[in-house]
């Protein structure tokens, strides 16, 4: 005997929990499934764009439940960590957390909206008919839904079972190394100040990517991510960055690598045009490649992709033709997220990109514009120029 739902969401990260909550709020019987028990670890730098709180206002009352601390602006470092250009804002630019805390908080918000949650169980099989999606979970339970959303990360099982994608191509992801070093809160504030920025080492050691140091409340997040050159090791590159950051005074002297995690990140992969849906099944969040191609930030675009998908589902279910309305997801995401997810120029434009980065360290205005492009995906415009000047 199968259980029947309007919407089934596989994966309870930012995309999945957001989609489940919004679907339930719209009146749909919703099931949220995740193969992990919560709270659970997720390899991620865990910076949450301020836009997420501005555009999902229901998060604000739960801020303490979701985040650890705020950050103010960005401090750009050059490829050798020899030069720094800093841009600060009067109000927080965003928030830092541990993904175990943030994701668990989002899941709890979804459950409070009458979402049914199945932890510790993955999806085993999927079958699509004209009017439903049938799912068999690893526990043996069978469920049916009018729509299914795959939000199960970059190695999406839903994508495979639905015949959408078996994996990402080499040019569709970057490799990341990341760890959160426990450190006393008072020592972090003393070392980095009361209003720390994000520290971003652009193109460290020639990498097409960047290294980072993010001071959180009781942890210092250290990481590096990008597209590696042939024969290059992400482990060796991380060690090199860690040592350089410490030598240049961006990490406390006593800090040592402890538990480094490595993971692929489908940065900007959605721009490659891979299919995002088939019939009543759609991919959101990392599963669909909704990650900024220039920064690797995926939390905000994951949540926005979830909201767009639920809007189309709601419209389609009310009109009696959800497949037709959901099909718009393949293209209309660009109207809402195309600017944020775009990548930095590469290939033949790589030298031009390096030249532009050089100007960050020569002009405060360029630094401010670059910070707003990095943090919020803003284009070069009079509005961006004004905010770059007055953000201080």
Protein backbone atom coordinates (compact mmCIF):
# COMPACT_ATOMS: atom_id res chain seq x y z
CA UNK A 1 0.00 0.00 0.00
CA UNK A 2 1.46 3.36 -1.04
CA UNK A 3 1.16 6.61 0.87
CA UNK A 4 -0.09 9.51 -1.24
CA UNK A 5 1.26 13.05 -1.22
CA UNK A 6 0.96 16.13 -3.35
CA UNK A 7 4.68 16.88 -3.20
CA UNK A 8 7.62 14.66 -2.23
CA UNK A 9 11.01 16.31 -1.72
CA UNK A 10 14.18 14.19 -1.62
CA UNK A 11 16.95 15.93 0.33
CA UNK A 12 16.55 18.20 3.35
CA UNK A 13 19.27 20.78 2.74
CA UNK A 14 18.49 24.47 2.07
CA UNK A 15 16.71 23.73 -1.23
CA UNK A 16 14.73 20.74 0.02
CA UNK A 17 13.61 22.15 3.35
CA UNK A 18 12.67 25.46 1.73
CA UNK A 19 10.65 23.72 -0.98
CA UNK A 20 8.89 21.49 1.54
CA UNK A 21 7.96 24.39 3.81
CA UNK A 22 6.66 26.55 0.96
CA UNK A 23 4.67 23.66 -0.53
CA UNK A 24 3.08 22.92 2.85
CA UNK A 25 2.33 26.61 3.39
CA UNK A 26 0.51 26.58 0.02
CA UNK A 27 -1.73 23.81 1.34
CA UNK A 28 -0.08 20.73 -0.20
CA UNK A 29 0.42 17.44 1.62
CA UNK A 30 4.21 17.28 1.61
CA UNK A 31 6.81 14.64 2.46
CA UNK A 32 10.49 15.50 3.03
CA UNK A 33 13.04 12.66 2.90
CA UNK A 34 16.77 12.62 3.64
CA UNK A 35 19.23 9.74 3.82
CA UNK A 36 20.99 11.30 6.84
CA UNK A 37 19.98 11.71 10.44
CA UNK A 38 19.86 15.37 11.50
CA UNK A 39 21.84 17.31 12.50
CA UNK A 40 24.42 16.08 9.98
CA UNK A 41 27.72 17.29 8.57
CA UNK A 42 27.88 18.95 5.14
CA UNK A 43 31.14 20.10 3.55
CA UNK A 44 30.52 23.81 3.06
CA UNK A 45 31.99 27.17 4.08
CA UNK A 46 28.46 28.01 5.29
CA UNK A 47 28.18 31.69 4.54
CA UNK A 48 24.60 32.76 4.12
CA UNK A 49 23.94 35.73 1.90
CA UNK A 50 21.95 38.55 3.52
CA UNK A 51 19.60 38.21 0.54
CA UNK A 52 18.36 34.91 1.98
CA UNK A 53 17.01 36.66 5.09
CA UNK A 54 15.68 39.60 3.09
CA UNK A 55 13.81 37.45 0.56
CA UNK A 56 12.68 34.72 2.96
CA UNK A 57 11.45 36.88 5.86
CA UNK A 58 10.08 33.90 7.80
CA UNK A 59 13.73 33.10 8.65
CA UNK A 60 14.26 36.25 10.70
CA UNK A 61 12.52 35.06 13.92
CA UNK A 62 14.72 31.93 13.78
CA UNK A 63 18.04 33.67 13.18
CA UNK A 64 19.63 32.49 16.45
CA UNK A 65 18.55 28.94 15.62
CA UNK A 66 20.15 29.15 12.17
CA UNK A 67 23.37 31.18 12.30
CA UNK A 68 26.40 31.72 14.51
CA UNK A 69 27.59 35.21 13.64
CA UNK A 70 27.51 38.03 11.10
CA UNK A 71 30.20 39.32 8.78
CA UNK A 72 30.71 42.80 7.36
CA UNK A 73 31.95 43.13 3.79
CA UNK A 74 34.94 41.46 2.17
CA UNK A 75 38.73 41.64 2.42
CA UNK A 76 40.34 40.64 -0.87
CA UNK A 77 43.85 39.18 -0.80
CA UNK A 78 46.06 38.74 -3.83
CA UNK A 79 47.37 35.42 -5.09
CA UNK A 80 50.34 35.52 -2.70
CA UNK A 81 48.50 37.04 0.25
CA UNK A 82 50.81 40.06 0.04
CA UNK A 83 48.19 42.74 -0.64
CA UNK A 84 44.81 43.36 0.97
CA UNK A 85 41.89 45.49 -0.17
CA UNK A 86 38.97 45.76 2.25
CA UNK A 87 35.38 46.95 1.79
CA UNK A 88 33.01 47.14 4.74
CA UNK A 89 29.29 47.79 5.16
CA UNK A 90 27.43 49.52 7.94
CA UNK A 91 25.10 46.57 8.39
CA UNK A 92 25.90 42.85 8.16
CA UNK A 93 26.57 41.59 4.65
CA UNK A 94 25.47 38.12 5.67
CA UNK A 95 25.88 35.43 8.26
CA UNK A 96 28.15 32.50 9.05
CA UNK A 97 27.11 29.20 10.50
CA UNK A 98 27.83 25.48 10.54
CA UNK A 99 25.81 23.61 7.95
CA UNK A 100 24.81 21.08 10.61
CA UNK A 101 23.15 23.94 12.51
CA UNK A 102 21.72 25.83 9.53
CA UNK A 103 20.26 22.80 7.75
CA UNK A 104 18.81 21.36 10.94
CA UNK A 105 17.15 24.70 11.66
CA UNK A 106 15.61 24.86 8.18
CA UNK A 107 14.36 21.29 8.56
CA UNK A 108 12.73 22.15 11.89
CA UNK A 109 11.03 25.18 10.32
CA UNK A 110 9.65 22.90 7.59
CA UNK A 111 8.39 20.33 10.09
CA UNK A 112 6.69 23.12 12.04
CA UNK A 113 4.75 23.87 8.83
CA UNK A 114 3.23 20.34 8.93
CA UNK A 115 5.77 18.76 6.59
CA UNK A 116 6.22 15.02 7.21
CA UNK A 117 9.90 14.15 7.59
CA UNK A 118 11.62 10.80 7.03
CA UNK A 119 15.26 10.92 8.19
CA UNK A 120 17.86 8.22 7.70
CA UNK A 121 16.40 6.79 4.50
CA UNK A 122 17.37 7.27 0.87
CA UNK A 123 15.51 6.76 -2.38
CA UNK A 124 15.88 3.35 -4.04
CA UNK A 125 13.64 3.48 -7.11
CA UNK A 126 11.51 5.93 -9.04
CA UNK A 127 8.79 5.40 -11.63
CA UNK A 128 6.91 8.08 -13.54
CA UNK A 129 3.40 7.73 -14.93
CA UNK A 130 1.21 10.28 -16.67
CA UNK A 131 -0.44 11.42 -13.45
CA UNK A 132 1.97 10.55 -10.65
CA UNK A 133 5.49 9.70 -9.50
CA UNK A 134 5.96 6.44 -7.59
CA UNK A 135 8.93 6.21 -5.23
CA UNK A 136 10.35 3.29 -3.27
CA UNK A 137 12.48 4.26 -0.29
CA UNK A 138 15.38 2.21 1.02
CA UNK A 139 13.24 1.30 4.02
CA UNK A 140 10.85 -0.48 1.67
CA UNK A 141 8.14 2.16 2.05
CA UNK A 142 6.41 3.14 -1.18
CA UNK A 143 5.01 6.61 -1.71
CA UNK A 144 3.26 8.36 -4.57
CA UNK A 145 3.24 12.06 -5.39
CA UNK A 146 1.79 14.42 -7.93
CA UNK A 147 5.24 16.07 -8.13
CA UNK A 148 8.73 15.10 -6.94
CA UNK A 149 11.60 17.53 -6.32
CA UNK A 150 15.18 16.25 -6.23
CA UNK A 151 17.16 18.31 -3.74
CA UNK A 152 19.65 15.59 -2.84
CA UNK A 153 22.91 17.38 -3.56
CA UNK A 154 25.54 17.40 -6.27
CA UNK A 155 25.62 13.58 -6.44
CA UNK A 156 21.85 13.45 -6.87
CA UNK A 157 20.31 9.99 -6.83
CA UNK A 158 17.06 11.48 -8.16
CA UNK A 159 18.91 12.80 -11.22
CA UNK A 160 20.17 9.29 -11.98
CA UNK A 161 16.88 7.49 -11.37
CA UNK A 162 14.92 10.03 -13.43
CA UNK A 163 17.35 9.67 -16.34
CA UNK A 164 18.39 13.33 -16.16
CA UNK A 165 22.09 13.00 -15.41
CA UNK A 166 24.53 10.34 -14.26
CA UNK A 167 27.07 12.84 -12.99
CA UNK A 168 28.76 16.16 -13.69
CA UNK A 169 31.33 16.58 -16.43
CA UNK A 170 34.81 17.75 -15.45
CA UNK A 171 34.12 21.30 -16.62
CA UNK A 172 30.90 21.50 -14.60
CA UNK A 173 32.32 21.42 -11.08
CA UNK A 174 35.17 22.65 -8.93
CA UNK A 175 36.93 20.86 -6.10
CA UNK A 176 36.85 22.25 -2.58
CA UNK A 177 38.72 21.60 0.66
CA UNK A 178 37.22 22.99 3.85
CA UNK A 179 37.33 22.69 7.61
CA UNK A 180 35.93 24.49 10.66
CA UNK A 181 38.63 24.88 13.29
CA UNK A 182 37.21 25.14 16.85
CA UNK A 183 38.55 28.27 18.55
CA UNK A 184 37.47 30.25 21.65
CA UNK A 185 34.97 33.01 20.73
CA UNK A 186 36.81 35.67 22.71
CA UNK A 187 40.09 34.76 20.97
CA UNK A 188 38.41 34.98 17.55
CA UNK A 189 37.05 38.44 18.30
CA UNK A 190 40.40 39.57 19.65
CA UNK A 191 42.24 38.31 16.56
CA UNK A 192 39.80 39.39 13.83
CA UNK A 193 37.91 42.25 15.47
CA UNK A 194 34.27 42.70 16.39
CA UNK A 195 33.11 43.12 12.78
CA UNK A 196 35.18 40.74 10.65
CA UNK A 197 34.84 40.52 6.85
CA UNK A 198 35.16 37.46 4.68
CA UNK A 199 38.86 37.02 3.81
CA UNK A 200 39.14 35.97 0.14
CA UNK A 201 42.46 35.05 -1.49
CA UNK A 202 41.70 35.49 -5.19
CA UNK A 203 43.43 33.06 -7.57
CA UNK A 204 45.73 31.81 -4.81
CA UNK A 205 48.88 30.31 -6.32
CA UNK A 206 47.36 30.72 -9.80
CA UNK A 207 44.24 28.70 -9.01
CA UNK A 208 41.09 29.46 -11.02
CA UNK A 209 39.22 29.98 -7.77
CA UNK A 210 40.07 31.32 -4.33
CA UNK A 211 41.02 30.47 -0.78
CA UNK A 212 39.10 31.76 2.24
CA UNK A 213 39.23 32.42 5.94
CA UNK A 214 35.83 33.02 7.58
CA UNK A 215 35.85 33.89 11.31
CA UNK A 216 32.71 32.41 12.87
CA UNK A 217 31.55 32.61 16.48
CA UNK A 218 33.45 29.59 17.83
CA UNK A 219 35.16 28.29 14.68
CA UNK A 220 37.49 29.59 11.99
CA UNK A 221 36.52 28.25 8.59
CA UNK A 222 39.49 27.70 6.28
CA UNK A 223 39.12 26.46 2.74
CA UNK A 224 40.04 26.63 -0.90
CA UNK A 225 38.13 25.80 -4.04
CA UNK A 226 38.51 26.04 -7.77
CA UNK A 227 39.29 24.27 -11.01
CA UNK A 228 42.60 22.47 -10.64
CA UNK A 229 45.36 22.23 -13.21
CA UNK A 230 46.45 18.79 -14.50
CA UNK A 231 48.30 16.90 -11.80
CA UNK A 232 47.43 19.41 -9.09
CA UNK A 233 46.33 18.04 -5.70
CA UNK A 234 43.56 19.77 -3.73
CA UNK A 235 45.09 18.39 -0.51
CA UNK A 236 48.50 19.87 -1.25
CA UNK A 237 46.96 23.16 -2.32
CA UNK A 238 44.96 23.37 0.91
CA UNK A 239 48.07 22.77 3.02
CA UNK A 240 49.93 25.44 1.07
CA UNK A 241 47.12 27.94 1.56
CA UNK A 242 46.81 27.16 5.27
CA UNK A 243 50.52 27.77 5.82
CA UNK A 244 50.51 30.97 3.75
CA UNK A 245 47.46 32.34 5.60
CA UNK A 246 49.12 31.66 8.92
CA UNK A 247 52.44 33.20 7.89
CA UNK A 248 50.65 36.33 6.65
CA UNK A 249 48.71 36.76 9.89
CA UNK A 250 45.26 35.59 8.76
CA UNK A 251 45.24 32.57 11.07
CA UNK A 252 46.35 32.39 14.73
CA UNK A 253 49.84 30.96 15.28
CA UNK A 254 48.61 27.89 17.15
CA UNK A 255 46.08 26.82 14.54
CA UNK A 256 46.67 23.46 12.85
CA UNK A 257 44.65 21.53 10.23
CA UNK A 258 42.46 19.00 12.02
CA UNK A 259 39.60 17.52 9.97
CA UNK A 260 39.66 18.64 6.35
CA UNK A 261 36.76 17.63 4.13
CA UNK A 262 36.89 17.47 0.35
CA UNK A 263 33.95 17.70 -2.04
CA UNK A 264 32.98 18.64 -5.60
CA UNK A 265 30.90 21.79 -6.02
CA UNK A 266 28.80 22.24 -9.21
CA UNK A 267 29.66 25.95 -9.42
CA UNK A 268 27.63 27.49 -12.23
CA UNK A 269 26.81 24.03 -13.61
CA UNK A 270 23.19 24.98 -14.31
CA UNK A 271 24.52 27.30 -17.02
CA UNK A 272 25.69 24.26 -19.02
CA UNK A 273 22.11 23.55 -20.07
CA UNK A 274 21.68 20.08 -18.60
CA UNK A 275 18.01 19.07 -18.24
CA UNK A 276 16.46 20.08 -14.93
CA UNK A 277 13.22 18.18 -15.22
CA UNK A 278 11.41 15.28 -16.74
CA UNK A 279 7.65 15.22 -16.50
CA UNK A 280 6.71 15.62 -12.84
CA UNK A 281 10.30 15.44 -11.53
CA UNK A 282 12.54 18.52 -11.19
CA UNK A 283 16.00 19.16 -9.74
CA UNK A 284 16.68 22.10 -7.42
CA UNK A 285 19.65 23.32 -5.39
CA UNK A 286 23.00 21.57 -5.90
CA UNK A 287 21.20 18.70 -7.63
CA UNK A 288 20.37 21.11 -10.47
CA UNK A 289 23.70 22.96 -10.34
CA UNK A 290 22.24 26.12 -8.79
CA UNK A 291 25.55 27.40 -7.42
CA UNK A 292 27.27 30.69 -8.20
CA UNK A 293 29.91 30.12 -10.87
CA UNK A 294 32.10 32.95 -9.57
CA UNK A 295 31.89 32.43 -5.80
CA UNK A 296 30.71 28.84 -5.26
CA UNK A 297 27.98 30.12 -2.94
CA UNK A 298 24.99 27.82 -3.18
CA UNK A 299 22.71 28.39 -0.19
CA UNK A 300 20.84 31.44 -1.46
CA UNK A 301 20.40 30.18 -5.06
CA UNK A 302 19.31 26.79 -3.70
CA UNK A 303 16.53 28.46 -1.74
CA UNK A 304 15.51 30.65 -4.67
CA UNK A 305 15.42 27.65 -7.02
CA UNK A 306 13.14 25.93 -4.50
CA UNK A 307 10.80 28.89 -4.32
CA UNK A 308 10.54 29.16 -8.10
CA UNK A 309 9.83 25.44 -8.45
CA UNK A 310 7.07 25.57 -5.82
CA UNK A 311 5.51 28.63 -7.46
CA UNK A 312 5.30 26.74 -10.78
CA UNK A 313 3.99 23.60 -9.07
CA UNK A 314 1.30 25.59 -7.28
CA UNK A 315 0.28 27.30 -10.50
CA UNK A 316 0.21 24.01 -12.37
CA UNK A 317 -1.70 22.01 -9.77
CA UNK A 318 -4.34 24.73 -9.53
CA UNK A 319 -4.65 24.86 -13.32
CA UNK A 320 -4.75 21.08 -13.65
CA UNK A 321 -1.63 20.85 -15.84
CA UNK A 322 1.41 20.73 -13.58
CA UNK A 323 3.67 19.15 -16.21
CA UNK A 324 3.18 22.07 -18.60
CA UNK A 325 3.76 24.72 -15.93
CA UNK A 326 6.71 22.94 -14.33
CA UNK A 327 8.37 22.70 -17.74
CA UNK A 328 8.93 26.47 -17.56
CA UNK A 329 11.47 25.83 -14.80
CA UNK A 330 14.07 24.82 -17.43
CA UNK A 331 14.33 28.42 -18.67
CA UNK A 332 12.63 30.89 -16.33
CA UNK A 333 15.18 30.35 -13.55
CA UNK A 334 17.48 32.68 -15.52
CA UNK A 335 15.17 35.64 -14.92
CA UNK A 336 15.56 35.29 -11.17
CA UNK A 337 19.02 33.78 -10.73
CA UNK A 338 20.94 34.15 -14.00
CA UNK A 339 22.90 37.20 -12.87
CA UNK A 340 23.80 35.70 -9.49
CA UNK A 341 24.91 32.33 -10.85
CA UNK A 342 26.97 33.61 -13.78
CA UNK A 343 30.64 32.68 -13.80
CA UNK A 344 33.72 34.82 -13.98
CA UNK A 345 35.29 35.13 -17.45
CA UNK A 346 37.66 32.27 -18.21
CA UNK A 347 39.41 30.68 -21.16
CA UNK A 348 40.43 33.41 -23.56
CA UNK A 349 39.27 36.02 -21.03
CA UNK A 350 41.37 34.71 -18.15
CA UNK A 351 44.06 37.36 -18.60
CA UNK A 352 41.37 40.04 -18.64
CA UNK A 353 40.05 38.64 -15.36
CA UNK A 354 43.51 38.84 -13.79
CA UNK A 355 43.84 42.45 -14.90
CA UNK A 356 40.47 43.30 -13.36
CA UNK A 357 41.46 41.64 -10.10
CA UNK A 358 44.61 43.76 -10.05
CA UNK A 359 42.50 46.92 -10.02
CA UNK A 360 40.84 45.80 -6.78
CA UNK A 361 44.10 46.57 -4.97
CA UNK A 362 44.59 49.94 -6.67
CA UNK A 363 41.14 51.51 -6.32
CA UNK A 364 38.74 51.64 -3.37
CA UNK A 365 35.85 52.11 -5.73
CA UNK A 366 36.78 49.03 -7.77
CA UNK A 367 37.18 47.09 -4.53
CA UNK A 368 33.67 48.10 -3.47
CA UNK A 369 32.14 47.18 -6.81
CA UNK A 370 33.97 43.83 -6.76
CA UNK A 371 32.72 43.16 -3.23
CA UNK A 372 29.11 43.84 -4.20
CA UNK A 373 29.48 41.64 -7.28
CA UNK A 374 30.92 38.85 -5.13
CA UNK A 375 28.46 39.13 -2.26
CA UNK A 376 25.24 39.94 -4.09
CA UNK A 377 25.83 39.20 -7.76
CA UNK A 378 25.33 42.86 -8.67
CA UNK A 379 26.35 44.09 -12.16
CA UNK A 380 28.36 47.22 -12.80
CA UNK A 381 25.76 50.01 -12.68
CA UNK A 382 25.22 53.44 -11.16
CA UNK A 383 23.34 51.80 -8.30
CA UNK A 384 26.24 49.45 -7.60
CA UNK A 385 28.72 52.32 -7.75
CA UNK A 386 26.63 54.30 -5.28
CA UNK A 387 26.30 51.40 -2.87
CA UNK A 388 30.02 50.69 -3.20
CA UNK A 389 30.76 54.28 -2.12
CA UNK A 390 28.17 54.58 0.64
CA UNK A 391 28.28 51.00 1.94
CA UNK A 392 30.89 52.18 4.37
